[in-house]
Amino acid sequence: MDSTELKARLEFWKKTLTALREAYLKLLDGGVKSYRINNRELTRFDLPEIKDEIEAAERKIDELTALLNKKRPRKSLGVIPRDW
């Protein structure tokens, strides 16, 4: 994938993250009962879902930034303790 495409994807995810954060904060503050992002309407009941989407967008931005900087994206590793 070339750097132009990576930059375009990075900008998309940054804009998405900004919109999600704005929606989350507006709903969290209680100033609005619902919030609209493009054709999607969100309510306070959607806060956990929005939080998950924010975290996913942040991970995607980190991954794309690492690729642009010629670094391998971070891989998460799970450790399961066992009591034998």
N, C-alpha and C. Protein backbone atom coordinates (compact mmCIF):
# COMPACT_ATOMS: atom_id res chain seq x y z
N MET A 1 0.85 -1.17 0.00
CA MET A 1 0.00 0.00 0.00
C MET A 1 0.90 1.24 0.00
N ASP A 2 0.60 2.20 -0.87
CA ASP A 2 1.46 3.38 -0.97
C ASP A 2 1.11 4.40 0.11
N SER A 3 2.02 5.36 0.29
CA SER A 3 1.86 6.33 1.38
C SER A 3 0.68 7.26 1.14
N THR A 4 0.32 7.53 -0.11
CA THR A 4 -0.83 8.39 -0.39
C THR A 4 -2.12 7.76 0.13
N GLU A 5 -2.27 6.48 -0.11
CA GLU A 5 -3.46 5.76 0.38
C GLU A 5 -3.46 5.70 1.91
N LEU A 6 -2.30 5.46 2.49
CA LEU A 6 -2.21 5.42 3.96
C LEU A 6 -2.59 6.76 4.57
N LYS A 7 -2.12 7.85 3.95
CA LYS A 7 -2.45 9.19 4.46
C LYS A 7 -3.93 9.47 4.35
N ALA A 8 -4.55 9.05 3.23
CA ALA A 8 -5.98 9.25 3.05
C ALA A 8 -6.78 8.48 4.11
N ARG A 9 -6.38 7.25 4.35
CA ARG A 9 -7.06 6.44 5.37
C ARG A 9 -6.87 7.04 6.76
N LEU A 10 -5.66 7.53 7.04
CA LEU A 10 -5.38 8.13 8.33
C LEU A 10 -6.26 9.37 8.54
N GLU A 11 -6.39 10.21 7.53
CA GLU A 11 -7.24 11.39 7.65
C GLU A 11 -8.71 11.01 7.87
N PHE A 12 -9.16 9.98 7.17
CA PHE A 12 -10.53 9.50 7.36
C PHE A 12 -10.75 9.08 8.80
N TRP A 13 -9.85 8.29 9.35
CA TRP A 13 -10.02 7.80 10.72
C TRP A 13 -9.89 8.92 11.74
N LYS A 14 -9.07 9.93 11.45
CA LYS A 14 -8.97 11.07 12.37
C LYS A 14 -10.28 11.85 12.40
N LYS A 15 -10.88 12.05 11.23
CA LYS A 15 -12.17 12.75 11.18
C LYS A 15 -13.25 11.93 11.87
N THR A 16 -13.23 10.65 11.65
CA THR A 16 -14.20 9.76 12.30
C THR A 16 -14.06 9.82 13.81
N LEU A 17 -12.82 9.77 14.28
CA LEU A 17 -12.56 9.82 15.72
C LEU A 17 -13.04 11.14 16.31
N THR A 18 -12.80 12.23 15.63
CA THR A 18 -13.25 13.53 16.11
C THR A 18 -14.78 13.57 16.23
N ALA A 19 -15.48 13.06 15.23
CA ALA A 19 -16.95 13.04 15.26
C ALA A 19 -17.46 12.14 16.39
N LEU A 20 -16.83 10.99 16.57
CA LEU A 20 -17.26 10.08 17.64
C LEU A 20 -17.03 10.69 19.02
N ARG A 21 -15.89 11.33 19.20
CA ARG A 21 -15.60 11.97 20.50
C ARG A 21 -16.59 13.09 20.78
N GLU A 22 -16.89 13.88 19.76
CA GLU A 22 -17.85 14.97 19.94
C GLU A 22 -19.22 14.42 20.34
N ALA A 23 -19.67 13.38 19.65
CA ALA A 23 -20.95 12.77 19.98
C ALA A 23 -20.95 12.22 21.40
N TYR A 24 -19.88 11.55 21.77
CA TYR A 24 -19.77 10.95 23.11
C TYR A 24 -19.88 12.03 24.18
N LEU A 25 -19.12 13.11 23.99
CA LEU A 25 -19.12 14.18 25.00
C LEU A 25 -20.47 14.88 25.09
N LYS A 26 -21.11 15.13 23.95
CA LYS A 26 -22.42 15.80 23.97
C LYS A 26 -23.45 14.93 24.69
N LEU A 27 -23.44 13.64 24.41
CA LEU A 27 -24.39 12.74 25.06
C LEU A 27 -24.06 12.55 26.54
N LEU A 28 -22.79 12.52 26.86
CA LEU A 28 -22.36 12.32 28.24
C LEU A 28 -22.73 13.51 29.12
N ASP A 29 -22.56 14.71 28.58
CA ASP A 29 -22.88 15.92 29.34
C ASP A 29 -24.37 16.06 29.61
N GLY A 30 -25.19 15.38 28.83
CA GLY A 30 -26.63 15.45 29.04
C GLY A 30 -27.27 16.66 28.41
N GLY A 31 -26.52 17.43 27.65
CA GLY A 31 -27.07 18.61 27.01
C GLY A 31 -28.02 18.27 25.88
N VAL A 32 -27.88 17.09 25.33
CA VAL A 32 -28.76 16.66 24.24
C VAL A 32 -29.29 15.27 24.54
N LYS A 33 -30.47 14.96 24.01
CA LYS A 33 -31.04 13.63 24.21
C LYS A 33 -30.59 12.67 23.11
N SER A 34 -30.30 13.24 21.95
CA SER A 34 -29.81 12.41 20.85
C SER A 34 -28.82 13.24 20.03
N TYR A 35 -28.01 12.55 19.29
CA TYR A 35 -26.98 13.21 18.49
C TYR A 35 -26.92 12.49 17.15
N ARG A 36 -26.74 13.26 16.09
CA ARG A 36 -26.73 12.68 14.75
C ARG A 36 -25.35 12.83 14.13
N ILE A 37 -24.83 11.69 13.65
CA ILE A 37 -23.61 11.66 12.84
C ILE A 37 -24.04 11.16 11.47
N ASN A 38 -23.96 12.05 10.48
CA ASN A 38 -24.45 11.76 9.12
C ASN A 38 -25.90 11.27 9.20
N ASN A 39 -26.17 10.04 8.85
CA ASN A 39 -27.55 9.54 8.89
C ASN A 39 -27.80 8.63 10.09
N ARG A 40 -26.92 8.65 11.05
CA ARG A 40 -27.01 7.77 12.21
C ARG A 40 -27.38 8.58 13.46
N GLU A 41 -28.45 8.19 14.12
CA GLU A 41 -28.87 8.90 15.33
C GLU A 41 -28.49 8.09 16.57
N LEU A 42 -27.84 8.76 17.50
CA LEU A 42 -27.34 8.11 18.72
C LEU A 42 -28.03 8.70 19.94
N THR A 43 -28.20 7.88 20.97
CA THR A 43 -28.77 8.33 22.23
C THR A 43 -27.81 7.96 23.35
N ARG A 44 -28.19 8.33 24.58
CA ARG A 44 -27.34 8.00 25.73
C ARG A 44 -27.15 6.49 25.89
N PHE A 45 -28.11 5.73 25.44
CA PHE A 45 -28.00 4.27 25.54
C PHE A 45 -26.90 3.72 24.64
N ASP A 46 -26.47 4.52 23.69
CA ASP A 46 -25.42 4.10 22.76
C ASP A 46 -24.01 4.43 23.26
N LEU A 47 -23.87 5.01 24.45
CA LEU A 47 -22.55 5.41 24.96
C LEU A 47 -21.54 4.26 24.99
N PRO A 48 -21.88 3.07 25.49
CA PRO A 48 -20.89 1.99 25.48
C PRO A 48 -20.45 1.61 24.06
N GLU A 49 -21.39 1.62 23.14
CA GLU A 49 -21.06 1.31 21.73
C GLU A 49 -20.15 2.38 21.14
N ILE A 50 -20.45 3.65 21.45
CA ILE A 50 -19.62 4.75 20.94
C ILE A 50 -18.22 4.64 21.53
N LYS A 51 -18.13 4.30 22.81
CA LYS A 51 -16.82 4.16 23.45
C LYS A 51 -16.00 3.06 22.76
N ASP A 52 -16.63 1.95 22.45
CA ASP A 52 -15.93 0.86 21.73
C ASP A 52 -15.46 1.33 20.35
N GLU A 53 -16.31 2.11 19.67
CA GLU A 53 -15.94 2.61 18.35
C GLU A 53 -14.77 3.60 18.45
N ILE A 54 -14.76 4.41 19.50
CA ILE A 54 -13.65 5.35 19.71
C ILE A 54 -12.35 4.58 19.91
N GLU A 55 -12.39 3.55 20.74
CA GLU A 55 -11.19 2.75 20.98
C GLU A 55 -10.71 2.06 19.71
N ALA A 56 -11.64 1.58 18.90
CA ALA A 56 -11.27 0.92 17.64
C ALA A 56 -10.65 1.93 16.68
N ALA A 57 -11.20 3.13 16.62
CA ALA A 57 -10.66 4.18 15.74
C ALA A 57 -9.26 4.59 16.20
N GLU A 58 -9.06 4.68 17.52
CA GLU A 58 -7.73 5.02 18.04
C GLU A 58 -6.71 3.94 17.67
N ARG A 59 -7.10 2.68 17.77
CA ARG A 59 -6.20 1.59 17.39
C ARG A 59 -5.86 1.66 15.90
N LYS A 60 -6.87 1.95 15.09
CA LYS A 60 -6.66 2.04 13.64
C LYS A 60 -5.71 3.19 13.31
N ILE A 61 -5.87 4.32 13.97
CA ILE A 61 -4.99 5.47 13.76
C ILE A 61 -3.57 5.12 14.15
N ASP A 62 -3.39 4.45 15.29
CA ASP A 62 -2.05 4.02 15.72
C ASP A 62 -1.42 3.09 14.69
N GLU A 63 -2.21 2.18 14.17
CA GLU A 63 -1.71 1.22 13.19
C GLU A 63 -1.28 1.92 11.90
N LEU A 64 -2.11 2.82 11.40
CA LEU A 64 -1.78 3.53 10.17
C LEU A 64 -0.58 4.46 10.35
N THR A 65 -0.49 5.10 11.51
CA THR A 65 0.65 5.97 11.80
C THR A 65 1.94 5.15 11.82
N ALA A 66 1.88 3.98 12.42
CA ALA A 66 3.07 3.11 12.45
C ALA A 66 3.46 2.69 11.03
N LEU A 67 2.49 2.36 10.21
CA LEU A 67 2.79 1.98 8.83
C LEU A 67 3.41 3.14 8.05
N LEU A 68 2.91 4.36 8.27
CA LEU A 68 3.48 5.52 7.60
C LEU A 68 4.91 5.79 8.03
N ASN A 69 5.21 5.48 9.28
CA ASN A 69 6.56 5.68 9.82
C ASN A 69 7.46 4.48 9.58
N LYS A 70 7.00 3.56 8.72
CA LYS A 70 7.77 2.37 8.35
C LYS A 70 8.05 1.45 9.53
N LYS A 71 7.13 1.44 10.47
CA LYS A 71 7.25 0.54 11.62
C LYS A 71 6.14 -0.49 11.54
N ARG A 72 6.39 -1.61 12.10
CA ARG A 72 5.34 -2.63 12.16
C ARG A 72 4.29 -2.20 13.18
N PRO A 73 3.02 -2.42 12.87
CA PRO A 73 1.99 -2.08 13.86
C PRO A 73 2.13 -2.94 15.11
N ARG A 74 1.74 -2.35 16.22
CA ARG A 74 1.81 -3.09 17.48
C ARG A 74 0.84 -4.24 17.45
N LYS A 75 1.27 -5.33 17.99
CA LYS A 75 0.38 -6.48 18.11
C LYS A 75 0.14 -6.72 19.59
N SER A 76 -1.11 -6.88 19.93
CA SER A 76 -1.41 -7.14 21.32
C SER A 76 -1.28 -8.63 21.58
N LEU A 77 -0.92 -8.92 22.77
CA LEU A 77 -0.65 -10.29 23.16
C LEU A 77 -1.42 -10.57 24.43
N GLY A 78 -2.12 -11.65 24.48
CA GLY A 78 -2.85 -12.01 25.69
C GLY A 78 -2.12 -13.11 26.45
N VAL A 79 -2.08 -12.93 27.74
CA VAL A 79 -1.46 -13.95 28.60
C VAL A 79 -2.53 -14.53 29.48
N ILE A 80 -2.62 -15.83 29.46
CA ILE A 80 -3.62 -16.52 30.27
C ILE A 80 -2.89 -17.26 31.38
N PRO A 81 -3.02 -16.79 32.62
CA PRO A 81 -2.35 -17.49 33.71
C PRO A 81 -3.00 -18.85 33.97
N ARG A 82 -2.20 -19.81 34.20
CA ARG A 82 -2.70 -21.17 34.47
C ARG A 82 -2.16 -21.65 35.82
N ASP A 83 -3.01 -22.23 36.57
CA ASP A 83 -2.59 -22.78 37.85
C ASP A 83 -2.61 -24.29 37.73
N TRP A 84 -1.46 -24.88 37.51
CA TRP A 84 -1.38 -26.33 37.28
C TRP A 84 -1.05 -27.01 38.54
